[in-house]
Amino acid sequence: MSHGIGVKCRADVSESGEHSSTQATAEDEQIPNTNNDAEEIRYVYILNRVLPADVRVLAWCPVDPKFSARFSCTSRTYKYFFPRGDLNVSHMREAAQALVGEHDFRNLCKMDVANGVVTYRRRITAVDLTETDRKTDSTETEASYDICELTITGQAFLWHQIRCIVAILFLIGQGRENPRIVLELLDVERHPRKPQYTMAAEFPLVLFDCAYNNDDIEWCRDADSDVDTVRCMQSVWTQHSVRAAMLSRMLTELGICPQRQTDVLVPGSHPRTYKPLFERDLCESLEDRIGHYAKKQKLASSDKTDRTSAAAVDGLDKV
């Protein structure tokens, strides 16, 4: 999102300096006329013609050169979609509320000390967990295929923070951990080292919305492109929904099956005997990681100095 897209317009000029009147090529015909200074280029239209079907541009906005799509963002909203399976959604919802507020999330992310991230306090402003397709008259087996939607909003997030949070919520929903485990993991005084666990899969995760100061942003939309975007998204939805319906019918014909739809969302092996989080091996503490990289950087700096000194001595020897 932080990369700008430049669009250049070219006019064919003859040797005499006059604009040539040669016939436009097929490529030229695809680009809207921009000779009129009052008419802006249709960026949305042009970009959507070359983007894949599952990536759409909705609007564009002229901004100040100092504006940053990443650092000017005032809040971000992530969504994570998953089937209900055999999860206890009410327990997951209860545990998720403990995330709201400002906390140290070092136990609920992948620490990135190597890139200079040494502060892990972040503020989450809202968490919501809903079952989007729940039908009141569905059987337990049918309900296990209902899709749940986890929505988390905050100003900034850490590396893999959402995927780590979802992994812990899955353990709670499966009844393997108590909902209070979230509060325990947020208590870095008692638990300064993160227990080892596998993150949730990345494909159900969506950066759903980014908010900016209204004084900085004034979106320009293209009505015709909006219609095309809806048509394109409906086409993608139809393809996936039909395939899902086919699989659902096949599963129905197979009869009662174990409700393990969420297993694929936590990669790796699934041991028969579950080991509680705080009985597992622990990762390095934040302080140990900082010390490790500081020492590594110092050694690298020392090695560079030694090589420079050796090169200088070699130069003197040659003289």
C-alpha atoms as a PDB file:
ATOM      1  CA  MET A   1       0.000   0.000   0.000  1.00  0.00           C
ATOM      2  CA  SER A   2       2.921   2.367   0.596  1.00  0.00           C
ATOM      3  CA  HIS A   3       4.071   2.336  -3.044  1.00  0.00           C
ATOM      4  CA  GLY A   4       2.833   5.083  -5.350  1.00  0.00           C
ATOM      5  CA  ILE A   5       1.926   4.316  -8.951  1.00  0.00           C
ATOM      6  CA  GLY A   6       3.158   6.715 -11.630  1.00  0.00           C
ATOM      7  CA  VAL A   7       1.309   7.107 -14.909  1.00  0.00           C
ATOM      8  CA  LYS A   8       3.043   8.775 -17.846  1.00  0.00           C
ATOM      9  CA  CYS A   9       1.246  10.129 -20.899  1.00  0.00           C
ATOM     10  CA  ARG A  10       3.037  10.415 -24.235  1.00  0.00           C
ATOM     11  CA  ALA A  11       2.116  12.542 -27.229  1.00  0.00           C
ATOM     12  CA  ASP A  12       3.574  11.710 -30.658  1.00  0.00           C
ATOM     13  CA  VAL A  13       5.525  14.733 -31.923  1.00  0.00           C
ATOM     14  CA  SER A  14       6.795  15.144 -35.490  1.00  0.00           C
ATOM     15  CA  GLU A  15      10.253  16.402 -36.431  1.00  0.00           C
ATOM     16  CA  SER A  16       8.863  19.913 -36.929  1.00  0.00           C
ATOM     17  CA  GLY A  17       7.535  19.960 -33.386  1.00  0.00           C
ATOM     18  CA  GLU A  18       3.909  19.657 -34.457  1.00  0.00           C
ATOM     19  CA  HIS A  19       1.694  16.955 -32.941  1.00  0.00           C
ATOM     20  CA  SER A  20       1.374  14.185 -35.519  1.00  0.00           C
ATOM     21  CA  SER A  21      -2.023  13.113 -36.731  1.00  0.00           C
ATOM     22  CA  THR A  22      -1.162   9.455 -37.219  1.00  0.00           C
ATOM     23  CA  GLN A  23      -3.888   6.905 -36.592  1.00  0.00           C
ATOM     24  CA  ALA A  24      -4.127   5.759 -32.933  1.00  0.00           C
ATOM     25  CA  THR A  25      -3.055   2.201 -32.222  1.00  0.00           C
ATOM     26  CA  ALA A  26      -5.192  -0.376 -30.413  1.00  0.00           C
ATOM     27  CA  GLU A  27      -3.127   0.219 -27.262  1.00  0.00           C
ATOM     28  CA  ASP A  28      -3.808   3.966 -27.441  1.00  0.00           C
ATOM     29  CA  GLU A  29      -7.541   3.332 -27.771  1.00  0.00           C
ATOM     30  CA  GLN A  30      -7.590   1.539 -24.422  1.00  0.00           C
ATOM     31  CA  ILE A  31      -6.390   4.680 -22.629  1.00  0.00           C
ATOM     32  CA  PRO A  32      -9.013   7.398 -22.107  1.00  0.00           C
ATOM     33  CA  ASN A  33      -8.437  10.761 -23.776  1.00  0.00           C
ATOM     34  CA  THR A  34      -6.364  13.075 -21.556  1.00  0.00           C
ATOM     35  CA  ASN A  35      -5.834  16.034 -23.907  1.00  0.00           C
ATOM     36  CA  ASN A  36      -8.243  18.100 -21.841  1.00  0.00           C
ATOM     37  CA  ASP A  37      -6.388  19.325 -18.745  1.00  0.00           C
ATOM     38  CA  ALA A  38      -9.681  19.380 -16.809  1.00  0.00           C
ATOM     39  CA  GLU A  39     -10.216  15.656 -17.396  1.00  0.00           C
ATOM     40  CA  GLU A  40      -8.293  13.417 -14.996  1.00  0.00           C
ATOM     41  CA  ILE A  41      -6.905  10.061 -16.030  1.00  0.00           C
ATOM     42  CA  ARG A  42      -9.235   7.166 -15.109  1.00  0.00           C
ATOM     43  CA  TYR A  43      -6.747   5.431 -12.829  1.00  0.00           C
ATOM     44  CA  VAL A  44      -9.268   2.959 -11.400  1.00  0.00           C
ATOM     45  CA  TYR A  45     -10.403   1.899 -14.869  1.00  0.00           C
ATOM     46  CA  ILE A  46      -6.846   1.501 -16.217  1.00  0.00           C
ATOM     47  CA  LEU A  47      -5.454  -0.422 -13.233  1.00  0.00           C
ATOM     48  CA  ASN A  48      -8.386  -2.826 -12.954  1.00  0.00           C
ATOM     49  CA  ARG A  49      -7.934  -3.815 -16.587  1.00  0.00           C
ATOM     50  CA  VAL A  50      -4.484  -5.242 -15.827  1.00  0.00           C
ATOM     51  CA  LEU A  51      -4.996  -6.582 -12.295  1.00  0.00           C
ATOM     52  CA  PRO A  52      -6.021 -10.182 -11.507  1.00  0.00           C
ATOM     53  CA  ALA A  53      -9.719 -10.794 -10.836  1.00  0.00           C
ATOM     54  CA  ASP A  54      -9.298 -11.056  -7.047  1.00  0.00           C
ATOM     55  CA  VAL A  55      -7.488  -7.691  -6.761  1.00  0.00           C
ATOM     56  CA  ARG A  56      -9.575  -4.575  -7.422  1.00  0.00           C
ATOM     57  CA  VAL A  57      -8.911  -0.844  -7.134  1.00  0.00           C
ATOM     58  CA  LEU A  58     -11.961   0.975  -5.730  1.00  0.00           C
ATOM     59  CA  ALA A  59     -10.777   4.585  -5.650  1.00  0.00           C
ATOM     60  CA  TRP A  60      -7.750   6.854  -5.778  1.00  0.00           C
ATOM     61  CA  CYS A  61      -6.725  10.108  -4.134  1.00  0.00           C
ATOM     62  CA  PRO A  62      -4.117  12.827  -4.787  1.00  0.00           C
ATOM     63  CA  VAL A  63      -2.011  13.331  -1.645  1.00  0.00           C
ATOM     64  CA  ASP A  64       0.796  15.468  -0.300  1.00  0.00           C
ATOM     65  CA  PRO A  65       4.287  14.113  -1.129  1.00  0.00           C
ATOM     66  CA  LYS A  66       4.881  13.650   2.613  1.00  0.00           C
ATOM     67  CA  PHE A  67       1.836  11.392   2.943  1.00  0.00           C
ATOM     68  CA  SER A  68       2.531   7.706   3.673  1.00  0.00           C
ATOM     69  CA  ALA A  69      -0.118   5.030   3.168  1.00  0.00           C
ATOM     70  CA  ARG A  70       1.518   3.119   6.025  1.00  0.00           C
ATOM     71  CA  PHE A  71       2.570   5.753   8.557  1.00  0.00           C
ATOM     72  CA  SER A  72      -0.319   8.201   8.005  1.00  0.00           C
ATOM     73  CA  CYS A  73      -2.843   5.469   8.807  1.00  0.00           C
ATOM     74  CA  THR A  74      -4.834   6.205  11.990  1.00  0.00           C
ATOM     75  CA  SER A  75      -6.309   2.706  12.420  1.00  0.00           C
ATOM     76  CA  ARG A  76      -6.377  -0.690  10.721  1.00  0.00           C
ATOM     77  CA  THR A  77      -9.034  -3.379  10.717  1.00  0.00           C
ATOM     78  CA  TYR A  78      -8.195  -7.044  10.115  1.00  0.00           C
ATOM     79  CA  LYS A  79     -10.675  -9.861   9.557  1.00  0.00           C
ATOM     80  CA  TYR A  80     -10.038 -13.590   9.889  1.00  0.00           C
ATOM     81  CA  PHE A  81     -12.613 -16.022   8.471  1.00  0.00           C
ATOM     82  CA  PHE A  82     -12.944 -19.648   9.597  1.00  0.00           C
ATOM     83  CA  PRO A  83     -15.542 -22.449   9.806  1.00  0.00           C
ATOM     84  CA  ARG A  84     -17.144 -23.066  13.198  1.00  0.00           C
ATOM     85  CA  GLY A  85     -16.316 -26.787  13.194  1.00  0.00           C
ATOM     86  CA  ASP A  86     -16.313 -28.089  16.759  1.00  0.00           C
ATOM     87  CA  LEU A  87     -15.174 -24.775  18.250  1.00  0.00           C
ATOM     88  CA  ASN A  88     -16.843 -23.236  21.287  1.00  0.00           C
ATOM     89  CA  VAL A  89     -17.348 -19.772  19.807  1.00  0.00           C
ATOM     90  CA  SER A  90     -18.712 -18.251  23.036  1.00  0.00           C
ATOM     91  CA  HIS A  91     -15.501 -19.150  24.897  1.00  0.00           C
ATOM     92  CA  MET A  92     -13.445 -17.694  22.052  1.00  0.00           C
ATOM     93  CA  ARG A  93     -15.517 -14.500  22.138  1.00  0.00           C
ATOM     94  CA  GLU A  94     -15.048 -14.202  25.900  1.00  0.00           C
ATOM     95  CA  ALA A  95     -11.276 -14.640  25.631  1.00  0.00           C
ATOM     96  CA  ALA A  96     -10.981 -12.190  22.721  1.00  0.00           C
ATOM     97  CA  GLN A  97     -12.395  -9.325  24.804  1.00  0.00           C
ATOM     98  CA  ALA A  98      -9.279  -9.462  26.992  1.00  0.00           C
ATOM     99  CA  LEU A  99      -7.290  -8.204  23.996  1.00  0.00           C
ATOM    100  CA  VAL A 100      -8.998  -4.800  24.012  1.00  0.00           C
ATOM    101  CA  GLY A 101      -6.823  -2.011  25.397  1.00  0.00           C
ATOM    102  CA  GLU A 102      -3.096  -1.349  25.479  1.00  0.00           C
ATOM    103  CA  HIS A 103      -0.975  -4.401  26.246  1.00  0.00           C
ATOM    104  CA  ASP A 104       2.453  -5.893  25.670  1.00  0.00           C
ATOM    105  CA  PHE A 105       1.814  -8.440  22.900  1.00  0.00           C
ATOM    106  CA  ARG A 106       5.265 -10.059  22.797  1.00  0.00           C
ATOM    107  CA  ASN A 107       3.694 -13.468  23.562  1.00  0.00           C
ATOM    108  CA  LEU A 108       1.089 -13.012  20.827  1.00  0.00           C
ATOM    109  CA  CYS A 109       3.288 -12.174  17.844  1.00  0.00           C
ATOM    110  CA  LYS A 110       6.561 -13.097  16.189  1.00  0.00           C
ATOM    111  CA  MET A 111       9.256 -10.844  17.636  1.00  0.00           C
ATOM    112  CA  ASP A 112      11.194  -8.927  14.985  1.00  0.00           C
ATOM    113  CA  VAL A 113      14.196  -7.676  16.952  1.00  0.00           C
ATOM    114  CA  ALA A 114      16.473  -8.139  13.931  1.00  0.00           C
ATOM    115  CA  ASN A 115      14.627  -5.275  12.189  1.00  0.00           C
ATOM    116  CA  GLY A 116      14.770  -2.990  15.216  1.00  0.00           C
ATOM    117  CA  VAL A 117      11.370  -3.722  16.785  1.00  0.00           C
ATOM    118  CA  VAL A 118      12.001  -3.728  20.549  1.00  0.00           C
ATOM    119  CA  THR A 119       8.717  -2.240  21.825  1.00  0.00           C
ATOM    120  CA  TYR A 120       5.721  -4.574  21.816  1.00  0.00           C
ATOM    121  CA  ARG A 121       3.042  -2.450  23.436  1.00  0.00           C
ATOM    122  CA  ARG A 122       0.117  -1.921  21.078  1.00  0.00           C
ATOM    123  CA  ARG A 123      -3.488  -0.773  21.504  1.00  0.00           C
ATOM    124  CA  ILE A 124      -6.451  -2.770  20.224  1.00  0.00           C
ATOM    125  CA  THR A 125      -9.611  -0.673  20.161  1.00  0.00           C
ATOM    126  CA  ALA A 126     -12.241  -3.270  19.213  1.00  0.00           C
ATOM    127  CA  VAL A 127     -12.681  -7.030  18.849  1.00  0.00           C
ATOM    128  CA  ASP A 128     -15.770  -8.768  17.496  1.00  0.00           C
ATOM    129  CA  LEU A 129     -16.480 -12.427  16.710  1.00  0.00           C
ATOM    130  CA  THR A 130     -19.645 -13.256  14.797  1.00  0.00           C
ATOM    131  CA  GLU A 131     -21.125 -16.272  13.013  1.00  0.00           C
ATOM    132  CA  THR A 132     -22.066 -14.863   9.624  1.00  0.00           C
ATOM    133  CA  ASP A 133     -24.061 -17.771   8.171  1.00  0.00           C
ATOM    134  CA  ARG A 134     -25.740 -19.211  11.269  1.00  0.00           C
ATOM    135  CA  LYS A 135     -29.193 -20.716  10.572  1.00  0.00           C
ATOM    136  CA  THR A 136     -31.512 -21.337  13.494  1.00  0.00           C
ATOM    137  CA  ASP A 137     -32.991 -24.554  12.063  1.00  0.00           C
ATOM    138  CA  SER A 138     -29.689 -26.201  11.045  1.00  0.00           C
ATOM    139  CA  THR A 139     -28.448 -29.420  12.615  1.00  0.00           C
ATOM    140  CA  GLU A 140     -25.219 -29.546  14.613  1.00  0.00           C
ATOM    141  CA  THR A 141     -23.395 -31.099  11.665  1.00  0.00           C
ATOM    142  CA  GLU A 142     -24.706 -28.447   9.267  1.00  0.00           C
ATOM    143  CA  ALA A 143     -23.862 -25.673  11.736  1.00  0.00           C
ATOM    144  CA  SER A 144     -20.252 -26.857  11.890  1.00  0.00           C
ATOM    145  CA  TYR A 145     -19.832 -25.515   8.345  1.00  0.00           C
ATOM    146  CA  ASP A 146     -21.047 -22.022   9.280  1.00  0.00           C
ATOM    147  CA  ILE A 147     -18.423 -19.326   8.698  1.00  0.00           C
ATOM    148  CA  CYS A 148     -17.218 -17.204  11.615  1.00  0.00           C
ATOM    149  CA  GLU A 149     -15.717 -13.746  11.237  1.00  0.00           C
ATOM    150  CA  LEU A 150     -13.171 -12.341  13.707  1.00  0.00           C
ATOM    151  CA  THR A 151     -12.701  -8.568  13.419  1.00  0.00           C
ATOM    152  CA  ILE A 152      -9.850  -6.772  15.199  1.00  0.00           C
ATOM    153  CA  THR A 153      -9.222  -3.018  15.013  1.00  0.00           C
ATOM    154  CA  GLY A 154      -6.161  -1.144  16.260  1.00  0.00           C
ATOM    155  CA  GLN A 155      -3.781   1.652  15.334  1.00  0.00           C
ATOM    156  CA  ALA A 156      -0.814  -0.605  14.564  1.00  0.00           C
ATOM    157  CA  PHE A 157      -0.006  -4.299  14.711  1.00  0.00           C
ATOM    158  CA  LEU A 158       3.051  -6.475  15.212  1.00  0.00           C
ATOM    159  CA  TRP A 159       4.513  -9.098  12.896  1.00  0.00           C
ATOM    160  CA  HIS A 160       2.050 -12.051  12.657  1.00  0.00           C
ATOM    161  CA  GLN A 161       0.076 -10.682  15.632  1.00  0.00           C
ATOM    162  CA  ILE A 162      -3.356 -11.602  14.243  1.00  0.00           C
ATOM    163  CA  ARG A 163      -2.298 -15.121  13.245  1.00  0.00           C
ATOM    164  CA  CYS A 164      -0.864 -15.767  16.720  1.00  0.00           C
ATOM    165  CA  ILE A 165      -4.019 -14.448  18.387  1.00  0.00           C
ATOM    166  CA  VAL A 166      -6.192 -16.701  16.215  1.00  0.00           C
ATOM    167  CA  ALA A 167      -4.030 -19.736  17.044  1.00  0.00           C
ATOM    168  CA  ILE A 168      -4.596 -19.165  20.772  1.00  0.00           C
ATOM    169  CA  LEU A 169      -8.329 -18.578  20.258  1.00  0.00           C
ATOM    170  CA  PHE A 170      -8.531 -21.896  18.381  1.00  0.00           C
ATOM    171  CA  LEU A 171      -6.964 -23.696  21.371  1.00  0.00           C
ATOM    172  CA  ILE A 172      -9.587 -22.069  23.601  1.00  0.00           C
ATOM    173  CA  GLY A 173     -12.417 -22.944  21.211  1.00  0.00           C
ATOM    174  CA  GLN A 174     -11.238 -26.574  21.146  1.00  0.00           C
ATOM    175  CA  GLY A 175     -11.401 -26.689  24.947  1.00  0.00           C
ATOM    176  CA  ARG A 176      -7.651 -27.264  25.260  1.00  0.00           C
ATOM    177  CA  GLU A 177      -6.995 -23.963  27.021  1.00  0.00           C
ATOM    178  CA  ASN A 178      -9.028 -21.847  29.434  1.00  0.00           C
ATOM    179  CA  PRO A 179     -10.224 -18.419  28.195  1.00  0.00           C
ATOM    180  CA  ARG A 180      -8.023 -16.865  30.899  1.00  0.00           C
ATOM    181  CA  ILE A 181      -4.928 -17.999  28.979  1.00  0.00           C
ATOM    182  CA  VAL A 182      -5.099 -14.732  27.006  1.00  0.00           C
ATOM    183  CA  LEU A 183      -4.714 -12.692  30.202  1.00  0.00           C
ATOM    184  CA  GLU A 184      -1.830 -14.959  31.236  1.00  0.00           C
ATOM    185  CA  LEU A 185      -0.025 -14.400  27.929  1.00  0.00           C
ATOM    186  CA  LEU A 186      -0.500 -10.632  28.227  1.00  0.00           C
ATOM    187  CA  ASP A 187       1.112 -10.677  31.698  1.00  0.00           C
ATOM    188  CA  VAL A 188       4.739 -10.380  30.591  1.00  0.00           C
ATOM    189  CA  GLU A 189       5.938  -9.846  34.165  1.00  0.00           C
ATOM    190  CA  ARG A 190       4.930 -13.413  35.034  1.00  0.00           C
ATOM    191  CA  HIS A 191       5.516 -14.820  31.543  1.00  0.00           C
ATOM    192  CA  PRO A 192       8.364 -12.920  29.833  1.00  0.00           C
ATOM    193  CA  ARG A 193       9.048 -15.810  27.443  1.00  0.00           C
ATOM    194  CA  LYS A 194       6.606 -16.939  24.780  1.00  0.00           C
ATOM    195  CA  PRO A 195       5.591 -20.636  24.827  1.00  0.00           C
ATOM    196  CA  GLN A 196       6.136 -22.360  21.504  1.00  0.00           C
ATOM    197  CA  TYR A 197       3.008 -22.797  19.386  1.00  0.00           C
ATOM    198  CA  THR A 198       2.097 -22.800  15.682  1.00  0.00           C
ATOM    199  CA  MET A 199       0.516 -19.728  14.086  1.00  0.00           C
ATOM    200  CA  ALA A 200      -2.802 -19.955  12.271  1.00  0.00           C
ATOM    201  CA  ALA A 201      -2.735 -20.126   8.461  1.00  0.00           C
ATOM    202  CA  GLU A 202      -2.426 -16.906   6.474  1.00  0.00           C
ATOM    203  CA  PHE A 203      -5.039 -17.338   3.706  1.00  0.00           C
ATOM    204  CA  PRO A 204      -8.183 -16.494   5.781  1.00  0.00           C
ATOM    205  CA  LEU A 205      -6.571 -13.220   6.957  1.00  0.00           C
ATOM    206  CA  VAL A 206      -7.639  -9.959   5.294  1.00  0.00           C
ATOM    207  CA  LEU A 207      -6.495  -6.387   5.873  1.00  0.00           C
ATOM    208  CA  PHE A 208     -10.074  -5.180   5.562  1.00  0.00           C
ATOM    209  CA  ASP A 209      -9.873  -1.430   6.155  1.00  0.00           C
ATOM    210  CA  CYS A 210      -7.389   1.387   6.749  1.00  0.00           C
ATOM    211  CA  ALA A 211      -8.564   4.712   8.192  1.00  0.00           C
ATOM    212  CA  TYR A 212      -6.971   8.099   7.521  1.00  0.00           C
ATOM    213  CA  ASN A 213      -7.497  11.687   8.612  1.00  0.00           C
ATOM    214  CA  ASN A 214     -10.349  13.104   6.523  1.00  0.00           C
ATOM    215  CA  ASP A 215      -8.308  16.252   5.902  1.00  0.00           C
ATOM    216  CA  ASP A 216      -5.699  14.177   4.058  1.00  0.00           C
ATOM    217  CA  ILE A 217      -7.978  11.932   2.033  1.00  0.00           C
ATOM    218  CA  GLU A 218     -10.695  12.666  -0.515  1.00  0.00           C
ATOM    219  CA  TRP A 219     -11.401   9.519  -2.518  1.00  0.00           C
ATOM    220  CA  CYS A 220     -12.159   9.734  -6.233  1.00  0.00           C
ATOM    221  CA  ARG A 221     -14.374   6.912  -7.459  1.00  0.00           C
ATOM    222  CA  ASP A 222     -15.379   5.766 -10.927  1.00  0.00           C
ATOM    223  CA  ALA A 223     -19.055   4.781 -11.207  1.00  0.00           C
ATOM    224  CA  ASP A 224     -18.540   2.573 -14.262  1.00  0.00           C
ATOM    225  CA  SER A 225     -15.633   0.795 -12.574  1.00  0.00           C
ATOM    226  CA  ASP A 226     -17.762   0.180  -9.474  1.00  0.00           C
ATOM    227  CA  VAL A 227     -20.251  -1.766 -11.602  1.00  0.00           C
ATOM    228  CA  ASP A 228     -17.442  -3.756 -13.218  1.00  0.00           C
ATOM    229  CA  THR A 229     -15.939  -4.511  -9.793  1.00  0.00           C
ATOM    230  CA  VAL A 230     -19.253  -5.857  -8.475  1.00  0.00           C
ATOM    231  CA  ARG A 231     -19.668  -8.014 -11.581  1.00  0.00           C
ATOM    232  CA  CYS A 232     -16.106  -9.340 -11.256  1.00  0.00           C
ATOM    233  CA  MET A 233     -16.464 -10.120  -7.538  1.00  0.00           C
ATOM    234  CA  GLN A 234     -19.793 -11.836  -8.127  1.00  0.00           C
ATOM    235  CA  SER A 235     -18.116 -14.018 -10.731  1.00  0.00           C
ATOM    236  CA  VAL A 236     -15.388 -15.040  -8.275  1.00  0.00           C
ATOM    237  CA  TRP A 237     -17.999 -15.631  -5.552  1.00  0.00           C
ATOM    238  CA  THR A 238     -20.081 -17.824  -7.865  1.00  0.00           C
ATOM    239  CA  GLN A 239     -17.126 -20.034  -8.754  1.00  0.00           C
ATOM    240  CA  HIS A 240     -16.103 -20.593  -5.140  1.00  0.00           C
ATOM    241  CA  SER A 241     -19.680 -20.995  -3.866  1.00  0.00           C
ATOM    242  CA  VAL A 242     -20.510 -23.631  -6.473  1.00  0.00           C
ATOM    243  CA  ARG A 243     -17.386 -25.597  -5.578  1.00  0.00           C
ATOM    244  CA  ALA A 244     -18.252 -25.295  -1.879  1.00  0.00           C
ATOM    245  CA  ALA A 245     -21.790 -26.554  -2.569  1.00  0.00           C
ATOM    246  CA  MET A 246     -20.391 -29.541  -4.458  1.00  0.00           C
ATOM    247  CA  LEU A 247     -18.121 -30.457  -1.546  1.00  0.00           C
ATOM    248  CA  SER A 248     -20.949 -29.959   0.939  1.00  0.00           C
ATOM    249  CA  ARG A 249     -23.139 -32.364  -1.028  1.00  0.00           C
ATOM    250  CA  MET A 250     -20.357 -34.963  -1.177  1.00  0.00           C
ATOM    251  CA  LEU A 251     -19.810 -34.712   2.593  1.00  0.00           C
ATOM    252  CA  THR A 252     -23.552 -35.152   3.152  1.00  0.00           C
ATOM    253  CA  GLU A 253     -23.523 -38.339   1.082  1.00  0.00           C
ATOM    254  CA  LEU A 254     -20.617 -39.682   3.156  1.00  0.00           C
ATOM    255  CA  GLY A 255     -22.727 -39.403   6.293  1.00  0.00           C
ATOM    256  CA  ILE A 256     -21.694 -38.182   9.753  1.00  0.00           C
ATOM    257  CA  CYS A 257     -18.046 -37.094   9.755  1.00  0.00           C
ATOM    258  CA  PRO A 258     -15.786 -35.721  12.514  1.00  0.00           C
ATOM    259  CA  GLN A 259     -16.098 -31.940  12.758  1.00  0.00           C
ATOM    260  CA  ARG A 260     -12.448 -31.079  12.154  1.00  0.00           C
ATOM    261  CA  GLN A 261     -12.802 -28.300   9.593  1.00  0.00           C
ATOM    262  CA  THR A 262     -10.348 -25.998  11.396  1.00  0.00           C
ATOM    263  CA  ASP A 263      -7.442 -28.469  11.474  1.00  0.00           C
ATOM    264  CA  VAL A 264      -6.169 -27.181   8.132  1.00  0.00           C
ATOM    265  CA  LEU A 265      -5.973 -23.657   9.585  1.00  0.00           C
ATOM    266  CA  VAL A 266      -3.200 -24.647  12.011  1.00  0.00           C
ATOM    267  CA  PRO A 267      -0.385 -26.189   9.929  1.00  0.00           C
ATOM    268  CA  GLY A 268       1.807 -28.982  11.228  1.00  0.00           C
ATOM    269  CA  SER A 269       1.221 -32.211  13.078  1.00  0.00           C
ATOM    270  CA  HIS A 270      -1.554 -32.641  15.621  1.00  0.00           C
ATOM    271  CA  PRO A 271      -0.375 -34.935  18.466  1.00  0.00           C
ATOM    272  CA  ARG A 272      -2.912 -37.209  20.122  1.00  0.00           C
ATOM    273  CA  THR A 273      -1.919 -35.978  23.581  1.00  0.00           C
ATOM    274  CA  TYR A 274      -2.197 -32.218  24.023  1.00  0.00           C
ATOM    275  CA  LYS A 275       0.545 -30.405  25.946  1.00  0.00           C
ATOM    276  CA  PRO A 276      -0.639 -27.207  27.710  1.00  0.00           C
ATOM    277  CA  LEU A 277       1.033 -23.985  26.599  1.00  0.00           C
ATOM    278  CA  PHE A 278       2.966 -23.246  29.773  1.00  0.00           C
ATOM    279  CA  GLU A 279       4.340 -26.789  29.924  1.00  0.00           C
ATOM    280  CA  ARG A 280       5.994 -26.401  26.527  1.00  0.00           C
ATOM    281  CA  ASP A 281       9.472 -25.202  25.630  1.00  0.00           C
ATOM    282  CA  LEU A 282       9.838 -21.422  25.751  1.00  0.00           C
ATOM    283  CA  CYS A 283      11.276 -19.012  23.199  1.00  0.00           C
ATOM    284  CA  GLU A 284      14.062 -16.567  24.020  1.00  0.00           C
ATOM    285  CA  SER A 285      13.037 -13.563  26.095  1.00  0.00           C
ATOM    286  CA  LEU A 286      12.972 -10.118  24.495  1.00  0.00           C
ATOM    287  CA  GLU A 287      16.003  -9.043  26.522  1.00  0.00           C
ATOM    288  CA  ASP A 288      17.990 -12.108  25.418  1.00  0.00           C
ATOM    289  CA  ARG A 289      17.140 -11.447  21.772  1.00  0.00           C
ATOM    290  CA  ILE A 290      18.163  -7.806  22.031  1.00  0.00           C
ATOM    291  CA  GLY A 291      21.453  -8.884  23.631  1.00  0.00           C
ATOM    292  CA  HIS A 292      21.988 -11.534  20.970  1.00  0.00           C
ATOM    293  CA  TYR A 293      21.548  -9.114  18.068  1.00  0.00           C
ATOM    294  CA  ALA A 294      23.547  -6.382  19.802  1.00  0.00           C
ATOM    295  CA  LYS A 295      26.426  -8.831  20.237  1.00  0.00           C
ATOM    296  CA  LYS A 296      26.060 -10.005  16.635  1.00  0.00           C
ATOM    297  CA  GLN A 297      26.103  -6.414  15.388  1.00  0.00           C
ATOM    298  CA  LYS A 298      29.156  -5.641  17.539  1.00  0.00           C
ATOM    299  CA  LEU A 299      30.995  -8.677  16.188  1.00  0.00           C
ATOM    300  CA  ALA A 300      30.115  -7.702  12.625  1.00  0.00           C
ATOM    301  CA  SER A 301      31.356  -4.157  13.252  1.00  0.00           C
ATOM    302  CA  SER A 302      34.572  -5.503  14.820  1.00  0.00           C
ATOM    303  CA  ASP A 303      35.101  -7.853  11.875  1.00  0.00           C
ATOM    304  CA  LYS A 304      34.652  -4.985   9.423  1.00  0.00           C
ATOM    305  CA  THR A 305      37.194  -2.892  11.338  1.00  0.00           C
ATOM    306  CA  ASP A 306      39.695  -5.775  11.303  1.00  0.00           C
ATOM    307  CA  ARG A 307      39.292  -6.196   7.534  1.00  0.00           C
ATOM    308  CA  THR A 308      39.801  -2.464   7.003  1.00  0.00           C
ATOM    309  CA  SER A 309      42.965  -2.503   9.158  1.00  0.00           C
ATOM    310  CA  ALA A 310      44.297  -5.560   7.331  1.00  0.00           C
ATOM    311  CA  ALA A 311      43.721  -3.887   3.972  1.00  0.00           C
ATOM    312  CA  ALA A 312      45.596  -0.805   5.152  1.00  0.00           C
ATOM    313  CA  VAL A 313      48.549  -2.929   6.300  1.00  0.00           C
ATOM    314  CA  ASP A 314      48.581  -4.733   2.935  1.00  0.00           C
ATOM    315  CA  GLY A 315      48.735  -1.376   1.239  1.00  0.00           C
ATOM    316  CA  LEU A 316      51.725  -0.307   3.326  1.00  0.00           C
ATOM    317  CA  ASP A 317      53.492  -3.587   2.578  1.00  0.00           C
ATOM    318  CA  LYS A 318      53.126  -2.985  -1.136  1.00  0.00           C
ATOM    319  CA  VAL A 319      54.621   0.494  -0.763  1.00  0.00           C
END
